[in-house]
All heavy atoms as atom14 arrays in JSON, in Angstrom:
{
  "sequence": "LVSDFSIHQVWEYSGGDLDWWLKLSGAWAGRSGSIMFWTWLI",
  "atom14_mask": [
    [1, 1, 1, 1, 1, 1, 1, 1, 0, 0, 0, 0, 0, 0],
    [1, 1, 1, 1, 1, 1, 1, 0, 0, 0, 0, 0, 0, 0],
    [1, 1, 1, 1, 1, 1, 0, 0, 0, 0, 0, 0, 0, 0],
    [1, 1, 1, 1, 1, 1, 1, 1, 0, 0, 0, 0, 0, 0],
    [1, 1, 1, 1, 1, 1, 1, 1, 1, 1, 1, 0, 0, 0],
    [1, 1, 1, 1, 1, 1, 0, 0, 0, 0, 0, 0, 0, 0],
    [1, 1, 1, 1, 1, 1, 1, 1, 0, 0, 0, 0, 0, 0],
    [1, 1, 1, 1, 1, 1, 1, 1, 1, 1, 0, 0, 0, 0],
    [1, 1, 1, 1, 1, 1, 1, 1, 1, 0, 0, 0, 0, 0],
    [1, 1, 1, 1, 1, 1, 1, 0, 0, 0, 0, 0, 0, 0],
    [1, 1, 1, 1, 1, 1, 1, 1, 1, 1, 1, 1, 1, 1],
    [1, 1, 1, 1, 1, 1, 1, 1, 1, 0, 0, 0, 0, 0],
    [1, 1, 1, 1, 1, 1, 1, 1, 1, 1, 1, 1, 0, 0],
    [1, 1, 1, 1, 1, 1, 0, 0, 0, 0, 0, 0, 0, 0],
    [1, 1, 1, 1, 0, 0, 0, 0, 0, 0, 0, 0, 0, 0],
    [1, 1, 1, 1, 0, 0, 0, 0, 0, 0, 0, 0, 0, 0],
    [1, 1, 1, 1, 1, 1, 1, 1, 0, 0, 0, 0, 0, 0],
    [1, 1, 1, 1, 1, 1, 1, 1, 0, 0, 0, 0, 0, 0],
    [1, 1, 1, 1, 1, 1, 1, 1, 0, 0, 0, 0, 0, 0],
    [1, 1, 1, 1, 1, 1, 1, 1, 1, 1, 1, 1, 1, 1],
    [1, 1, 1, 1, 1, 1, 1, 1, 1, 1, 1, 1, 1, 1],
    [1, 1, 1, 1, 1, 1, 1, 1, 0, 0, 0, 0, 0, 0],
    [1, 1, 1, 1, 1, 1, 1, 1, 1, 0, 0, 0, 0, 0],
    [1, 1, 1, 1, 1, 1, 1, 1, 0, 0, 0, 0, 0, 0],
    [1, 1, 1, 1, 1, 1, 0, 0, 0, 0, 0, 0, 0, 0],
    [1, 1, 1, 1, 0, 0, 0, 0, 0, 0, 0, 0, 0, 0],
    [1, 1, 1, 1, 1, 0, 0, 0, 0, 0, 0, 0, 0, 0],
    [1, 1, 1, 1, 1, 1, 1, 1, 1, 1, 1, 1, 1, 1],
    [1, 1, 1, 1, 1, 0, 0, 0, 0, 0, 0, 0, 0, 0],
    [1, 1, 1, 1, 0, 0, 0, 0, 0, 0, 0, 0, 0, 0],
    [1, 1, 1, 1, 1, 1, 1, 1, 1, 1, 1, 0, 0, 0],
    [1, 1, 1, 1, 1, 1, 0, 0, 0, 0, 0, 0, 0, 0],
    [1, 1, 1, 1, 0, 0, 0, 0, 0, 0, 0, 0, 0, 0],
    [1, 1, 1, 1, 1, 1, 0, 0, 0, 0, 0, 0, 0, 0],
    [1, 1, 1, 1, 1, 1, 1, 1, 0, 0, 0, 0, 0, 0],
    [1, 1, 1, 1, 1, 1, 1, 1, 0, 0, 0, 0, 0, 0],
    [1, 1, 1, 1, 1, 1, 1, 1, 1, 1, 1, 0, 0, 0],
    [1, 1, 1, 1, 1, 1, 1, 1, 1, 1, 1, 1, 1, 1],
    [1, 1, 1, 1, 1, 1, 1, 0, 0, 0, 0, 0, 0, 0],
    [1, 1, 1, 1, 1, 1, 1, 1, 1, 1, 1, 1, 1, 1],
    [1, 1, 1, 1, 1, 1, 1, 1, 0, 0, 0, 0, 0, 0],
    [1, 1, 1, 1, 1, 1, 1, 1, 0, 0, 0, 0, 0, 0]
  ],
  "atom14_positions": [
    [[0.7, 0.47, 7.09], [0.14, 0.07, 8.38], [-0.14, 1.25, 9.3], [-1.13, 1.25, 10.05], [1.08, -0.93, 9.07], [1.17, -2.32, 8.44], [2.23, -3.15, 9.13], [-0.18, -3.03, 8.52], [0.0, 0.0, 0.0], [0.0, 0.0, 0.0], [0.0, 0.0, 0.0], [0.0, 0.0, 0.0], [0.0, 0.0, 0.0], [0.0, 0.0, 0.0]],
    [[0.72, 2.27, 9.25], [0.53, 3.45, 10.12], [-0.23, 4.56, 9.4], [-0.4, 5.65, 9.95], [1.88, 3.98, 10.64], [2.6, 2.91, 11.43], [2.76, 4.49, 9.5], [0.0, 0.0, 0.0], [0.0, 0.0, 0.0], [0.0, 0.0, 0.0], [0.0, 0.0, 0.0], [0.0, 0.0, 0.0], [0.0, 0.0, 0.0], [0.0, 0.0, 0.0]],
    [[-0.68, 4.29, 8.17], [-1.45, 5.28, 7.38], [-0.68, 6.59, 7.23], [-1.16, 7.67, 7.6], [-2.82, 5.54, 8.03], [-3.59, 4.37, 8.08], [0.0, 0.0, 0.0], [0.0, 0.0, 0.0], [0.0, 0.0, 0.0], [0.0, 0.0, 0.0], [0.0, 0.0, 0.0], [0.0, 0.0, 0.0], [0.0, 0.0, 0.0], [0.0, 0.0, 0.0]],
    [[0.51, 6.49, 6.67], [1.33, 7.67, 6.41], [0.85, 8.33, 5.12], [1.34, 8.04, 4.04], [2.8, 7.26, 6.3], [3.72, 8.46, 6.1], [3.22, 9.61, 6.09], [4.94, 8.26, 5.93], [0.0, 0.0, 0.0], [0.0, 0.0, 0.0], [0.0, 0.0, 0.0], [0.0, 0.0, 0.0], [0.0, 0.0, 0.0], [0.0, 0.0, 0.0]],
    [[-0.09, 9.26, 5.26], [-0.7, 9.87, 4.09], [0.16, 10.95, 3.44], [-0.29, 11.62, 2.51], [-2.07, 10.45, 4.45], [-3.07, 9.4, 4.88], [-3.82, 9.56, 6.03], [-3.22, 8.23, 4.13], [-4.72, 8.6, 6.42], [-4.13, 7.26, 4.52], [-4.88, 7.44, 5.67], [0.0, 0.0, 0.0], [0.0, 0.0, 0.0], [0.0, 0.0, 0.0]],
    [[1.37, 11.11, 3.92], [2.3, 12.0, 3.21], [2.83, 11.33, 1.94], [3.41, 11.99, 1.08], [3.48, 12.38, 4.11], [4.27, 11.23, 4.43], [0.0, 0.0, 0.0], [0.0, 0.0, 0.0], [0.0, 0.0, 0.0], [0.0, 0.0, 0.0], [0.0, 0.0, 0.0], [0.0, 0.0, 0.0], [0.0, 0.0, 0.0], [0.0, 0.0, 0.0]],
    [[2.6, 10.02, 1.83], [2.97, 9.26, 0.62], [1.73, 9.1, -0.24], [0.68, 8.65, 0.23], [3.55, 7.88, 1.0], [4.81, 8.05, 1.84], [3.85, 7.06, -0.25], [5.39, 6.76, 2.36], [0.0, 0.0, 0.0], [0.0, 0.0, 0.0], [0.0, 0.0, 0.0], [0.0, 0.0, 0.0], [0.0, 0.0, 0.0], [0.0, 0.0, 0.0]],
    [[1.84, 9.46, -1.5], [0.67, 9.49, -2.37], [0.03, 8.12, -2.51], [-1.21, 8.01, -2.5], [1.06, 10.02, -3.75], [-0.12, 10.34, -4.62], [-0.75, 11.56, -4.58], [-0.8, 9.59, -5.52], [-1.77, 11.56, -5.43], [-1.82, 10.37, -6.01], [0.0, 0.0, 0.0], [0.0, 0.0, 0.0], [0.0, 0.0, 0.0], [0.0, 0.0, 0.0]],
    [[0.82, 7.07, -2.66], [0.25, 5.75, -2.85], [-0.51, 5.3, -1.61], [-1.55, 4.64, -1.73], [1.33, 4.73, -3.2], [0.78, 3.32, -3.34], [1.68, 2.38, -4.09], [2.05, 2.64, -5.22], [2.04, 1.28, -3.46], [0.0, 0.0, 0.0], [0.0, 0.0, 0.0], [0.0, 0.0, 0.0], [0.0, 0.0, 0.0], [0.0, 0.0, 0.0]],
    [[-0.01, 5.62, -0.42], [-0.72, 5.27, 0.81], [-2.06, 5.98, 0.87], [-3.09, 5.39, 1.21], [0.14, 5.61, 2.04], [-0.63, 5.3, 3.33], [1.46, 4.84, 2.03], [0.0, 0.0, 0.0], [0.0, 0.0, 0.0], [0.0, 0.0, 0.0], [0.0, 0.0, 0.0], [0.0, 0.0, 0.0], [0.0, 0.0, 0.0], [0.0, 0.0, 0.0]],
    [[-2.06, 7.27, 0.53], [-3.31, 8.04, 0.54], [-4.3, 7.5, -0.49], [-5.5, 7.42, -0.23], [-2.99, 9.51, 0.24], [-4.22, 10.37, 0.12], [-4.9, 10.98, 1.14], [-4.93, 10.69, -1.09], [-5.99, 11.66, 0.65], [-6.03, 11.5, -0.72], [-4.74, 10.38, -2.43], [-6.93, 12.0, -1.65], [-5.64, 10.88, -3.37], [-6.71, 11.68, -2.98]],
    [[-3.79, 7.08, -1.65], [-4.66, 6.67, -2.74], [-5.24, 5.27, -2.56], [-6.36, 5.0, -3.0], [-3.9, 6.73, -4.07], [-4.76, 6.5, -5.29], [-4.02, 6.73, -6.59], [-2.78, 6.97, -6.55], [-4.65, 6.67, -7.66], [0.0, 0.0, 0.0], [0.0, 0.0, 0.0], [0.0, 0.0, 0.0], [0.0, 0.0, 0.0], [0.0, 0.0, 0.0]],
    [[-4.5, 4.36, -1.89], [-4.94, 2.97, -1.82], [-5.16, 2.48, -0.39], [-5.18, 1.27, -0.15], [-3.92, 2.07, -2.51], [-3.81, 2.32, -3.98], [-2.71, 3.02, -4.5], [-4.79, 1.91, -4.87], [-2.61, 3.27, -5.86], [-4.7, 2.16, -6.23], [-3.61, 2.85, -6.71], [-3.52, 3.1, -8.06], [0.0, 0.0, 0.0], [0.0, 0.0, 0.0]],
    [[-5.32, 3.4, 0.54], [-5.54, 2.99, 1.92], [-6.45, 3.99, 2.63], [-6.76, 5.05, 2.09], [-4.2, 2.88, 2.67], [-4.41, 2.39, 3.98], [0.0, 0.0, 0.0], [0.0, 0.0, 0.0], [0.0, 0.0, 0.0], [0.0, 0.0, 0.0], [0.0, 0.0, 0.0], [0.0, 0.0, 0.0], [0.0, 0.0, 0.0], [0.0, 0.0, 0.0]],
    [[-6.87, 3.63, 3.82], [-7.72, 4.5, 4.62], [-7.54, 4.2, 6.09], [-7.23, 3.06, 6.47], [0.0, 0.0, 0.0], [0.0, 0.0, 0.0], [0.0, 0.0, 0.0], [0.0, 0.0, 0.0], [0.0, 0.0, 0.0], [0.0, 0.0, 0.0], [0.0, 0.0, 0.0], [0.0, 0.0, 0.0], [0.0, 0.0, 0.0], [0.0, 0.0, 0.0]],
    [[-7.7, 5.19, 6.91], [-7.49, 5.0, 8.34], [-8.49, 4.07, 8.99], [-8.24, 3.54, 10.08], [0.0, 0.0, 0.0], [0.0, 0.0, 0.0], [0.0, 0.0, 0.0], [0.0, 0.0, 0.0], [0.0, 0.0, 0.0], [0.0, 0.0, 0.0], [0.0, 0.0, 0.0], [0.0, 0.0, 0.0], [0.0, 0.0, 0.0], [0.0, 0.0, 0.0]],
    [[-9.64, 3.83, 8.35], [-10.68, 2.99, 8.94], [-10.57, 1.53, 8.53], [-11.37, 0.71, 8.95], [-12.06, 3.52, 8.52], [-12.25, 3.52, 7.0], [-11.22, 3.63, 6.29], [-13.4, 3.42, 6.55], [0.0, 0.0, 0.0], [0.0, 0.0, 0.0], [0.0, 0.0, 0.0], [0.0, 0.0, 0.0], [0.0, 0.0, 0.0], [0.0, 0.0, 0.0]],
    [[-9.57, 1.19, 7.72], [-9.43, -0.19, 7.24], [-8.73, -1.07, 8.26], [-7.93, -0.59, 9.07], [-8.64, -0.22, 5.93], [-9.25, 0.5, 4.73], [-8.3, 0.42, 3.53], [-10.6, -0.1, 4.35], [0.0, 0.0, 0.0], [0.0, 0.0, 0.0], [0.0, 0.0, 0.0], [0.0, 0.0, 0.0], [0.0, 0.0, 0.0], [0.0, 0.0, 0.0]],
    [[-9.03, -2.37, 8.21], [-8.3, -3.34, 9.03], [-6.85, -3.4, 8.55], [-6.54, -3.07, 7.41], [-8.93, -4.72, 8.93], [-10.32, -4.76, 9.56], [-10.55, -4.0, 10.51], [-11.17, -5.55, 9.08], [0.0, 0.0, 0.0], [0.0, 0.0, 0.0], [0.0, 0.0, 0.0], [0.0, 0.0, 0.0], [0.0, 0.0, 0.0], [0.0, 0.0, 0.0]],
    [[-5.97, -3.88, 9.42], [-4.53, -3.87, 9.11], [-4.21, -4.67, 7.86], [-3.36, -4.29, 7.07], [-3.73, -4.39, 10.31], [-3.91, -5.85, 10.59], [-4.79, -6.43, 11.42], [-3.15, -6.92, 10.0], [-4.67, -7.8, 11.41], [-3.66, -8.13, 10.55], [-2.11, -6.99, 9.08], [-3.16, -9.38, 10.2], [-1.61, -8.24, 8.72], [-2.13, -9.41, 9.28]],
    [[-4.91, -5.79, 7.65], [-4.59, -6.63, 6.49], [-5.07, -5.99, 5.2], [-4.46, -6.2, 4.14], [-5.15, -8.03, 6.67], [-6.63, -8.09, 6.95], [-7.25, -7.98, 8.17], [-7.67, -8.29, 6.0], [-8.6, -8.09, 8.03], [-8.9, -8.29, 6.71], [-7.69, -8.49, 4.62], [-10.13, -8.47, 6.09], [-8.91, -8.67, 3.98], [-10.11, -8.66, 4.71]],
    [[-6.11, -5.17, 5.26], [-6.54, -4.44, 4.09], [-5.59, -3.27, 3.81], [-5.33, -2.94, 2.65], [-7.97, -3.93, 4.27], [-9.08, -4.97, 4.09], [-10.44, -4.36, 4.42], [-9.07, -5.52, 2.68], [0.0, 0.0, 0.0], [0.0, 0.0, 0.0], [0.0, 0.0, 0.0], [0.0, 0.0, 0.0], [0.0, 0.0, 0.0], [0.0, 0.0, 0.0]],
    [[-5.09, -2.66, 4.87], [-4.09, -1.61, 4.68], [-2.85, -2.18, 3.99], [-2.3, -1.59, 3.06], [-3.69, -1.0, 6.03], [-4.74, -0.14, 6.69], [-4.21, 0.45, 7.98], [-5.23, 1.35, 8.64], [-4.72, 1.94, 9.9], [0.0, 0.0, 0.0], [0.0, 0.0, 0.0], [0.0, 0.0, 0.0], [0.0, 0.0, 0.0], [0.0, 0.0, 0.0]],
    [[-2.44, -3.36, 4.45], [-1.26, -4.01, 3.86], [-1.52, -4.37, 2.41], [-0.61, -4.29, 1.56], [-0.91, -5.25, 4.67], [0.54, -5.75, 4.61], [1.49, -4.68, 5.1], [0.7, -7.01, 5.43], [0.0, 0.0, 0.0], [0.0, 0.0, 0.0], [0.0, 0.0, 0.0], [0.0, 0.0, 0.0], [0.0, 0.0, 0.0], [0.0, 0.0, 0.0]],
    [[-2.75, -4.74, 2.08], [-3.09, -5.09, 0.7], [-2.92, -3.91, -0.24], [-2.67, -4.09, -1.44], [-4.53, -5.6, 0.63], [-4.71, -6.74, 1.42], [0.0, 0.0, 0.0], [0.0, 0.0, 0.0], [0.0, 0.0, 0.0], [0.0, 0.0, 0.0], [0.0, 0.0, 0.0], [0.0, 0.0, 0.0], [0.0, 0.0, 0.0], [0.0, 0.0, 0.0]],
    [[-3.06, -2.7, 0.29], [-2.88, -1.51, -0.53], [-1.47, -1.37, -1.05], [-1.23, -0.66, -2.05], [0.0, 0.0, 0.0], [0.0, 0.0, 0.0], [0.0, 0.0, 0.0], [0.0, 0.0, 0.0], [0.0, 0.0, 0.0], [0.0, 0.0, 0.0], [0.0, 0.0, 0.0], [0.0, 0.0, 0.0], [0.0, 0.0, 0.0], [0.0, 0.0, 0.0]],
    [[-0.51, -2.06, -0.42], [0.89, -1.95, -0.84], [1.1, -2.51, -2.23], [2.05, -2.11, -2.94], [1.81, -2.66, 0.16], [0.0, 0.0, 0.0], [0.0, 0.0, 0.0], [0.0, 0.0, 0.0], [0.0, 0.0, 0.0], [0.0, 0.0, 0.0], [0.0, 0.0, 0.0], [0.0, 0.0, 0.0], [0.0, 0.0, 0.0], [0.0, 0.0, 0.0]],
    [[0.27, -3.45, -2.65], [0.4, -4.0, -4.01], [-0.83, -3.71, -4.86], [-1.07, -4.35, -5.88], [0.67, -5.51, -3.97], [-0.25, -6.28, -3.08], [-1.56, -6.61, -3.3], [0.09, -6.84, -1.81], [-2.06, -7.34, -2.26], [-1.07, -7.5, -1.32], [1.26, -6.87, -1.03], [-1.1, -8.16, -0.09], [1.23, -7.52, 0.18], [0.07, -8.15, 0.64]],
    [[-1.63, -2.72, -4.44], [-2.82, -2.37, -5.21], [-2.49, -1.45, -6.39], [-3.13, -1.53, -7.43], [-3.86, -1.69, -4.31], [0.0, 0.0, 0.0], [0.0, 0.0, 0.0], [0.0, 0.0, 0.0], [0.0, 0.0, 0.0], [0.0, 0.0, 0.0], [0.0, 0.0, 0.0], [0.0, 0.0, 0.0], [0.0, 0.0, 0.0], [0.0, 0.0, 0.0]],
    [[-1.49, -0.58, -6.22], [-1.13, 0.35, -7.28], [-0.04, -0.2, -8.18], [0.56, -1.25, -7.91], [0.0, 0.0, 0.0], [0.0, 0.0, 0.0], [0.0, 0.0, 0.0], [0.0, 0.0, 0.0], [0.0, 0.0, 0.0], [0.0, 0.0, 0.0], [0.0, 0.0, 0.0], [0.0, 0.0, 0.0], [0.0, 0.0, 0.0], [0.0, 0.0, 0.0]],
    [[0.24, 0.53, -9.26], [1.24, 0.09, -10.24], [2.64, 0.01, -9.62], [3.3, -1.03, -9.68], [1.26, 1.04, -11.44], [2.25, 0.64, -12.52], [2.26, 1.62, -13.66], [2.67, 2.95, -13.24], [1.88, 4.02, -13.25], [0.64, 3.91, -13.66], [2.32, 5.2, -12.85], [0.0, 0.0, 0.0], [0.0, 0.0, 0.0], [0.0, 0.0, 0.0]],
    [[3.08, 1.1, -9.02], [4.45, 1.12, -8.48], [4.6, 0.16, -7.31], [5.65, -0.48, -7.14], [4.83, 2.54, -8.07], [3.93, 3.05, -7.11], [0.0, 0.0, 0.0], [0.0, 0.0, 0.0], [0.0, 0.0, 0.0], [0.0, 0.0, 0.0], [0.0, 0.0, 0.0], [0.0, 0.0, 0.0], [0.0, 0.0, 0.0], [0.0, 0.0, 0.0]],
    [[3.55, 0.04, -6.48], [3.63, -0.88, -5.35], [3.71, -2.32, -5.78], [4.46, -3.12, -5.19], [0.0, 0.0, 0.0], [0.0, 0.0, 0.0], [0.0, 0.0, 0.0], [0.0, 0.0, 0.0], [0.0, 0.0, 0.0], [0.0, 0.0, 0.0], [0.0, 0.0, 0.0], [0.0, 0.0, 0.0], [0.0, 0.0, 0.0], [0.0, 0.0, 0.0]],
    [[2.96, -2.68, -6.82], [3.0, -4.07, -7.31], [4.33, -4.39, -7.97], [4.88, -5.49, -7.78], [1.85, -4.31, -8.29], [1.91, -3.43, -9.39], [0.0, 0.0, 0.0], [0.0, 0.0, 0.0], [0.0, 0.0, 0.0], [0.0, 0.0, 0.0], [0.0, 0.0, 0.0], [0.0, 0.0, 0.0], [0.0, 0.0, 0.0], [0.0, 0.0, 0.0]],
    [[4.89, -3.44, -8.71], [6.21, -3.65, -9.31], [7.27, -3.79, -8.22], [8.18, -4.62, -8.32], [6.57, -2.5, -10.27], [5.64, -2.53, -11.49], [8.02, -2.59, -10.73], [5.85, -1.39, -12.46], [0.0, 0.0, 0.0], [0.0, 0.0, 0.0], [0.0, 0.0, 0.0], [0.0, 0.0, 0.0], [0.0, 0.0, 0.0], [0.0, 0.0, 0.0]],
    [[7.14, -2.97, -7.18], [8.07, -3.03, -6.05], [8.04, -4.42, -5.4], [9.09, -5.04, -5.15], [7.68, -1.95, -5.04], [8.43, -2.03, -3.73], [10.02, -1.22, -3.82], [10.45, -1.2, -2.09], [0.0, 0.0, 0.0], [0.0, 0.0, 0.0], [0.0, 0.0, 0.0], [0.0, 0.0, 0.0], [0.0, 0.0, 0.0], [0.0, 0.0, 0.0]],
    [[6.84, -4.91, -5.13], [6.69, -6.21, -4.47], [7.22, -7.33, -5.37], [7.9, -8.25, -4.9], [5.22, -6.44, -4.14], [4.97, -7.65, -3.28], [5.6, -7.79, -2.06], [4.09, -8.65, -3.7], [5.36, -8.91, -1.26], [3.86, -9.76, -2.92], [4.49, -9.89, -1.7], [0.0, 0.0, 0.0], [0.0, 0.0, 0.0], [0.0, 0.0, 0.0]],
    [[6.94, -7.26, -6.65], [7.42, -8.25, -7.61], [8.94, -8.25, -7.67], [9.58, -9.31, -7.65], [6.8, -7.93, -8.98], [7.08, -8.92, -10.07], [7.73, -10.12, -9.96], [6.71, -8.79, -11.44], [7.79, -10.74, -11.17], [7.16, -9.97, -12.1], [6.03, -7.82, -12.17], [6.97, -10.16, -13.47], [5.83, -8.02, -13.53], [6.29, -9.17, -14.16]],
    [[9.52, -7.06, -7.74], [10.98, -6.96, -7.79], [11.62, -7.53, -6.55], [12.63, -8.24, -6.61], [11.4, -5.48, -7.96], [10.73, -4.92, -9.09], [12.91, -5.36, -8.16], [0.0, 0.0, 0.0], [0.0, 0.0, 0.0], [0.0, 0.0, 0.0], [0.0, 0.0, 0.0], [0.0, 0.0, 0.0], [0.0, 0.0, 0.0], [0.0, 0.0, 0.0]],
    [[11.03, -7.21, -5.4], [11.59, -7.72, -4.14], [11.55, -9.24, -4.11], [12.5, -9.88, -3.65], [10.8, -7.15, -2.95], [11.27, -7.71, -1.64], [12.46, -7.44, -1.0], [10.59, -8.67, -0.83], [12.55, -8.18, 0.17], [11.42, -8.93, 0.3], [9.36, -9.31, -0.94], [11.04, -9.82, 1.29], [8.99, -10.21, 0.07], [9.83, -10.45, 1.17]],
    [[10.47, -9.84, -4.6], [10.38, -11.3, -4.62], [11.41, -11.92, -5.56], [11.95, -12.99, -5.26], [8.96, -11.72, -5.04], [7.86, -11.49, -4.01], [6.49, -11.76, -4.62], [8.07, -12.35, -2.77], [0.0, 0.0, 0.0], [0.0, 0.0, 0.0], [0.0, 0.0, 0.0], [0.0, 0.0, 0.0], [0.0, 0.0, 0.0], [0.0, 0.0, 0.0]],
    [[11.7, -11.26, -6.67], [12.73, -11.76, -7.58], [14.09, -11.75, -6.89], [14.83, -12.74, -6.9], [12.79, -10.92, -8.87], [11.53, -11.11, -9.71], [14.02, -11.3, -9.71], [11.48, -10.23, -10.94], [0.0, 0.0, 0.0], [0.0, 0.0, 0.0], [0.0, 0.0, 0.0], [0.0, 0.0, 0.0], [0.0, 0.0, 0.0], [0.0, 0.0, 0.0]]
  ]
}
């Protein structure tokens, strides 16, 4: 949400010009982010 580009996944799957909900969608766009979200739901 704050576009912390010091994190590789944030830099790779997000952009400062995106709406907040698209930024949030980037959290499960990559491999590690999707596994993280899946694990948290379990």
